[in-house]
C-alpha atoms as a PDB file:
ATOM      1  CA  MET A   1      19.067   2.575 -22.404  1.00  0.00           C
ATOM      2  CA  SER A   2      17.100   2.752 -19.164  1.00  0.00           C
ATOM      3  CA  LYS A   3      13.684   4.284 -18.591  1.00  0.00           C
ATOM      4  CA  ARG A   4      11.873   5.123 -15.366  1.00  0.00           C
ATOM      5  CA  ILE A   5       8.575   3.482 -14.560  1.00  0.00           C
ATOM      6  CA  ASP A   6       6.325   4.148 -11.582  1.00  0.00           C
ATOM      7  CA  TYR A   7       5.257   0.657 -10.573  1.00  0.00           C
ATOM      8  CA  ALA A   8       2.612   2.006  -8.193  1.00  0.00           C
ATOM      9  CA  ASP A   9       0.913   3.400 -11.313  1.00  0.00           C
ATOM     10  CA  LEU A  10       1.139  -0.018 -12.973  1.00  0.00           C
ATOM     11  CA  LEU A  11      -0.380  -1.682  -9.903  1.00  0.00           C
ATOM     12  CA  ALA A  12      -3.181   0.914  -9.940  1.00  0.00           C
ATOM     13  CA  VAL A  13      -3.967  -0.047 -13.537  1.00  0.00           C
ATOM     14  CA  GLN A  14      -4.027  -3.717 -12.519  1.00  0.00           C
ATOM     15  CA  LEU A  15      -6.286  -3.028  -9.524  1.00  0.00           C
ATOM     16  CA  ASN A  16      -8.651  -0.969 -11.688  1.00  0.00           C
ATOM     17  CA  ALA A  17      -8.765  -3.682 -14.387  1.00  0.00           C
ATOM     18  CA  THR A  18      -9.753  -6.291 -11.791  1.00  0.00           C
ATOM     19  CA  LYS A  19     -12.163  -3.909 -10.023  1.00  0.00           C
ATOM     20  CA  ILE A  20     -10.392  -4.184  -6.666  1.00  0.00           C
ATOM     21  CA  PRO A  21     -11.460  -1.090  -4.675  1.00  0.00           C
ATOM     22  CA  HIS A  22      -8.541   0.973  -3.429  1.00  0.00           C
ATOM     23  CA  THR A  23      -7.441   4.432  -2.378  1.00  0.00           C
ATOM     24  CA  ARG A  24      -4.145   5.823  -3.717  1.00  0.00           C
ATOM     25  CA  GLU A  25      -1.651   7.687  -1.524  1.00  0.00           C
ATOM     26  CA  PHE A  26      -3.609   6.864   1.623  1.00  0.00           C
ATOM     27  CA  ARG A  27      -2.655   8.874   4.707  1.00  0.00           C
ATOM     28  CA  PHE A  28      -3.017   6.458   7.605  1.00  0.00           C
ATOM     29  CA  HIS A  29      -1.571   8.451  10.509  1.00  0.00           C
ATOM     30  CA  ILE A  30      -3.170  11.574  11.947  1.00  0.00           C
ATOM     31  CA  THR A  31      -0.034  13.496  12.936  1.00  0.00           C
ATOM     32  CA  ARG A  32       2.620  12.140  10.575  1.00  0.00           C
ATOM     33  CA  LEU A  33       2.584  12.776   6.851  1.00  0.00           C
ATOM     34  CA  TRP A  34       3.051   9.091   6.054  1.00  0.00           C
ATOM     35  CA  ARG A  35       1.152   7.702   3.134  1.00  0.00           C
ATOM     36  CA  ALA A  36       0.833   4.184   1.847  1.00  0.00           C
ATOM     37  CA  ASP A  37       0.812   3.655  -1.903  1.00  0.00           C
ATOM     38  CA  PHE A  38      -2.620   1.999  -1.569  1.00  0.00           C
ATOM     39  CA  CYS A  39      -5.261   1.211   1.008  1.00  0.00           C
ATOM     40  CA  LEU A  40      -7.576  -1.701   0.273  1.00  0.00           C
ATOM     41  CA  VAL A  41     -10.634  -2.988   2.098  1.00  0.00           C
ATOM     42  CA  ASN A  42     -10.148  -4.741   5.441  1.00  0.00           C
ATOM     43  CA  LYS A  43      -7.369  -2.329   6.447  1.00  0.00           C
ATOM     44  CA  VAL A  44      -4.780  -3.677   4.017  1.00  0.00           C
ATOM     45  CA  LEU A  45      -2.029  -1.227   3.049  1.00  0.00           C
ATOM     46  CA  VAL A  46       0.127  -1.873  -0.007  1.00  0.00           C
ATOM     47  CA  GLU A  47       3.615  -0.479  -0.568  1.00  0.00           C
ATOM     48  CA  VAL A  48       5.515  -0.817  -3.841  1.00  0.00           C
ATOM     49  CA  ASP A  49       9.244  -0.656  -3.147  1.00  0.00           C
ATOM     50  CA  GLY A  50      11.818   1.146  -5.184  1.00  0.00           C
ATOM     51  CA  GLY A  51      13.124   4.643  -4.486  1.00  0.00           C
ATOM     52  CA  ASN A  52      10.231   7.053  -4.427  1.00  0.00           C
ATOM     53  CA  ARG A  53       8.032   4.342  -5.959  1.00  0.00           C
ATOM     54  CA  MET A  54      10.358   4.507  -8.952  1.00  0.00           C
ATOM     55  CA  ALA A  55      12.360   1.806 -10.650  1.00  0.00           C
ATOM     56  CA  ILE A  56      14.599   1.656 -13.678  1.00  0.00           C
ATOM     57  CA  ILE A  57      14.173  -0.914 -16.430  1.00  0.00           C
ATOM     58  CA  HIS A  58      17.646  -2.196 -17.209  1.00  0.00           C
ATOM     59  CA  LYS A  59      18.145  -5.069 -19.664  1.00  0.00           C
ATOM     60  CA  GLY A  60      14.452  -5.939 -19.450  1.00  0.00           C
ATOM     61  CA  ARG A  61      14.469  -6.190 -15.663  1.00  0.00           C
ATOM     62  CA  ALA A  62      13.061  -3.756 -13.084  1.00  0.00           C
ATOM     63  CA  VAL A  63      15.795  -2.524 -10.758  1.00  0.00           C
ATOM     64  CA  ALA A  64      14.784  -0.517  -7.685  1.00  0.00           C
ATOM     65  CA  VAL A  65      16.274   2.929  -7.273  1.00  0.00           C
ATOM     66  CA  GLY A  66      17.041   3.743  -3.640  1.00  0.00           C
ATOM     67  CA  SER A  67      16.313   1.529  -0.691  1.00  0.00           C
ATOM     68  CA  HIS A  68      13.712   1.077   1.991  1.00  0.00           C
ATOM     69  CA  THR A  69      16.069   0.413   4.846  1.00  0.00           C
ATOM     70  CA  LYS A  70      16.031   3.747   6.633  1.00  0.00           C
ATOM     71  CA  ASP A  71      14.740   3.765  10.190  1.00  0.00           C
ATOM     72  CA  SER A  72      11.919   6.087   9.137  1.00  0.00           C
ATOM     73  CA  ASP A  73      10.663   3.475   6.665  1.00  0.00           C
ATOM     74  CA  TYR A  74      10.565   0.846   9.400  1.00  0.00           C
ATOM     75  CA  GLU A  75       8.892   3.294  11.763  1.00  0.00           C
ATOM     76  CA  LYS A  76       6.192   4.016   9.178  1.00  0.00           C
ATOM     77  CA  LEU A  77       5.401   0.335   8.624  1.00  0.00           C
ATOM     78  CA  ASN A  78       5.499  -0.451  12.348  1.00  0.00           C
ATOM     79  CA  TRP A  79       3.035   2.351  13.075  1.00  0.00           C
ATOM     80  CA  ALA A  80       0.731   1.040  10.360  1.00  0.00           C
ATOM     81  CA  ALA A  81       0.765  -2.375  12.065  1.00  0.00           C
ATOM     82  CA  LEU A  82       0.196  -0.760  15.466  1.00  0.00           C
ATOM     83  CA  LEU A  83      -2.851   1.022  14.045  1.00  0.00           C
ATOM     84  CA  GLY A  84      -4.310  -2.289  12.924  1.00  0.00           C
ATOM     85  CA  TYR A  85      -3.312  -2.329   9.263  1.00  0.00           C
ATOM     86  CA  ARG A  86      -1.869  -5.321   7.466  1.00  0.00           C
ATOM     87  CA  VAL A  87       0.993  -4.111   5.286  1.00  0.00           C
ATOM     88  CA  LEU A  88       1.951  -5.802   2.042  1.00  0.00           C
ATOM     89  CA  ARG A  89       5.230  -4.839   0.328  1.00  0.00           C
ATOM     90  CA  PHE A  90       6.029  -5.688  -3.251  1.00  0.00           C
ATOM     91  CA  SER A  91       9.057  -5.243  -5.465  1.00  0.00           C
ATOM     92  CA  PRO A  92       8.772  -3.719  -8.947  1.00  0.00           C
ATOM     93  CA  ASN A  93       9.367  -7.202 -10.415  1.00  0.00           C
ATOM     94  CA  GLN A  94       6.427  -8.610  -8.452  1.00  0.00           C
ATOM     95  CA  VAL A  95       4.164  -5.862  -9.812  1.00  0.00           C
ATOM     96  CA  LYS A  96       5.453  -6.317 -13.370  1.00  0.00           C
ATOM     97  CA  SER A  97       4.954 -10.098 -13.308  1.00  0.00           C
ATOM     98  CA  GLY A  98       1.442  -9.883 -11.831  1.00  0.00           C
ATOM     99  CA  GLU A  99       2.526 -11.702  -8.671  1.00  0.00           C
ATOM    100  CA  ALA A 100       1.576  -8.704  -6.508  1.00  0.00           C
ATOM    101  CA  LEU A 101      -1.940  -8.605  -7.939  1.00  0.00           C
ATOM    102  CA  GLN A 102      -2.381 -12.357  -7.455  1.00  0.00           C
ATOM    103  CA  PHE A 103      -1.284 -12.085  -3.823  1.00  0.00           C
ATOM    104  CA  ILE A 104      -3.590  -9.111  -3.192  1.00  0.00           C
ATOM    105  CA  ASP A 105      -6.501 -11.000  -4.734  1.00  0.00           C
ATOM    106  CA  ARG A 106      -5.724 -14.020  -2.556  1.00  0.00           C
ATOM    107  CA  ILE A 107      -5.451 -12.069   0.705  1.00  0.00           C
ATOM    108  CA  LEU A 108      -8.707 -10.226   0.020  1.00  0.00           C
ATOM    109  CA  ASP A 109     -10.481 -13.505  -0.778  1.00  0.00           C
ATOM    110  CA  ASP A 110      -9.108 -15.079   2.418  1.00  0.00           C
ATOM    111  CA  SER A 111     -10.135 -12.168   4.626  1.00  0.00           C
ATOM    112  CA  GLN A 112     -13.620 -11.959   3.123  1.00  0.00           C
ATOM    113  CA  SER A 113     -14.192 -15.703   3.466  1.00  0.00           C
ATOM    114  CA  LYS A 114     -13.307 -15.453   7.175  1.00  0.00           C
ATOM    115  CA  GLY A 115     -16.045 -12.877   7.692  1.00  0.00           C
ATOM    116  CA  ALA A 116     -13.790  -9.846   8.122  1.00  0.00           C
ATOM    117  CA  VAL A 117     -15.667  -6.575   8.186  1.00  0.00           C
ATOM    118  CA  GLN A 118     -14.775  -4.319   5.298  1.00  0.00           C
ATOM    119  CA  HIS A 119     -13.904  -0.784   6.288  1.00  0.00           C
ATOM    120  CA  GLU A 120     -14.943   2.185   4.243  1.00  0.00           C
ATOM    121  CA  LEU A 121     -12.191   3.731   2.134  1.00  0.00           C
ATOM    122  CA  LEU A 122     -12.137   7.337   3.259  1.00  0.00           C
ATOM    123  CA  PRO A 123     -10.459  10.289   1.595  1.00  0.00           C
ATOM    124  CA  GLU A 124      -7.662  11.849   3.648  1.00  0.00           C
ATOM    125  CA  SER A 125      -9.697  14.972   4.349  1.00  0.00           C
ATOM    126  CA  SER A 126     -12.543  13.017   5.913  1.00  0.00           C
ATOM    127  CA  SER A 127     -13.154  14.122   9.474  1.00  0.00           C
ATOM    128  CA  HIS A 128     -14.846  10.765  10.139  1.00  0.00           C
ATOM    129  CA  GLY A 129     -11.614   8.960   9.243  1.00  0.00           C
ATOM    130  CA  GLU A 130      -9.577  11.327  11.401  1.00  0.00           C
ATOM    131  CA  LYS A 131     -11.891  10.755  14.377  1.00  0.00           C
ATOM    132  CA  ASN A 132     -11.492   6.982  14.026  1.00  0.00           C
ATOM    133  CA  LEU A 133      -7.732   7.340  13.796  1.00  0.00           C
ATOM    134  CA  ARG A 134      -7.660   9.538  16.905  1.00  0.00           C
ATOM    135  CA  LYS A 135      -9.617   6.857  18.774  1.00  0.00           C
ATOM    136  CA  MET A 136      -7.130   4.206  17.647  1.00  0.00           C
ATOM    137  CA  LEU A 137      -4.177   6.369  18.692  1.00  0.00           C
ATOM    138  CA  ALA A 138      -5.736   7.087  22.080  1.00  0.00           C
ATOM    139  CA  SER A 139      -6.158   3.381  22.756  1.00  0.00           C
ATOM    140  CA  CYS A 140      -2.486   2.636  22.063  1.00  0.00           C
END
């Protein structure tokens, strides 16, 4: 018997337990409706692969439903990079095993030790965030 699990929800629980600040369903583009599963400090976006963030547990193993190989998925991630975000992608198995959380913790430690400036996590409706995004788009 298979059951559906939202591994983005599991990663949110892990991030909350380790007190890593994050914003869920972060809209990073002003004109497109794209959202990343998470936005962390230092402009790090996190995507959990598997269908619409869904996976099926089959024989004790997380199996992704759907694929992230459509051109629109690549376009979304490329735009995030163009806007200055670092994008991390994880499989359901990486979230389940804790590997995703370990990697996130490591990348945040590395960026903070190099003196990176932390950006404020803004809600999607913030006009301040939209103004900054417009400036970034205009400079592209």
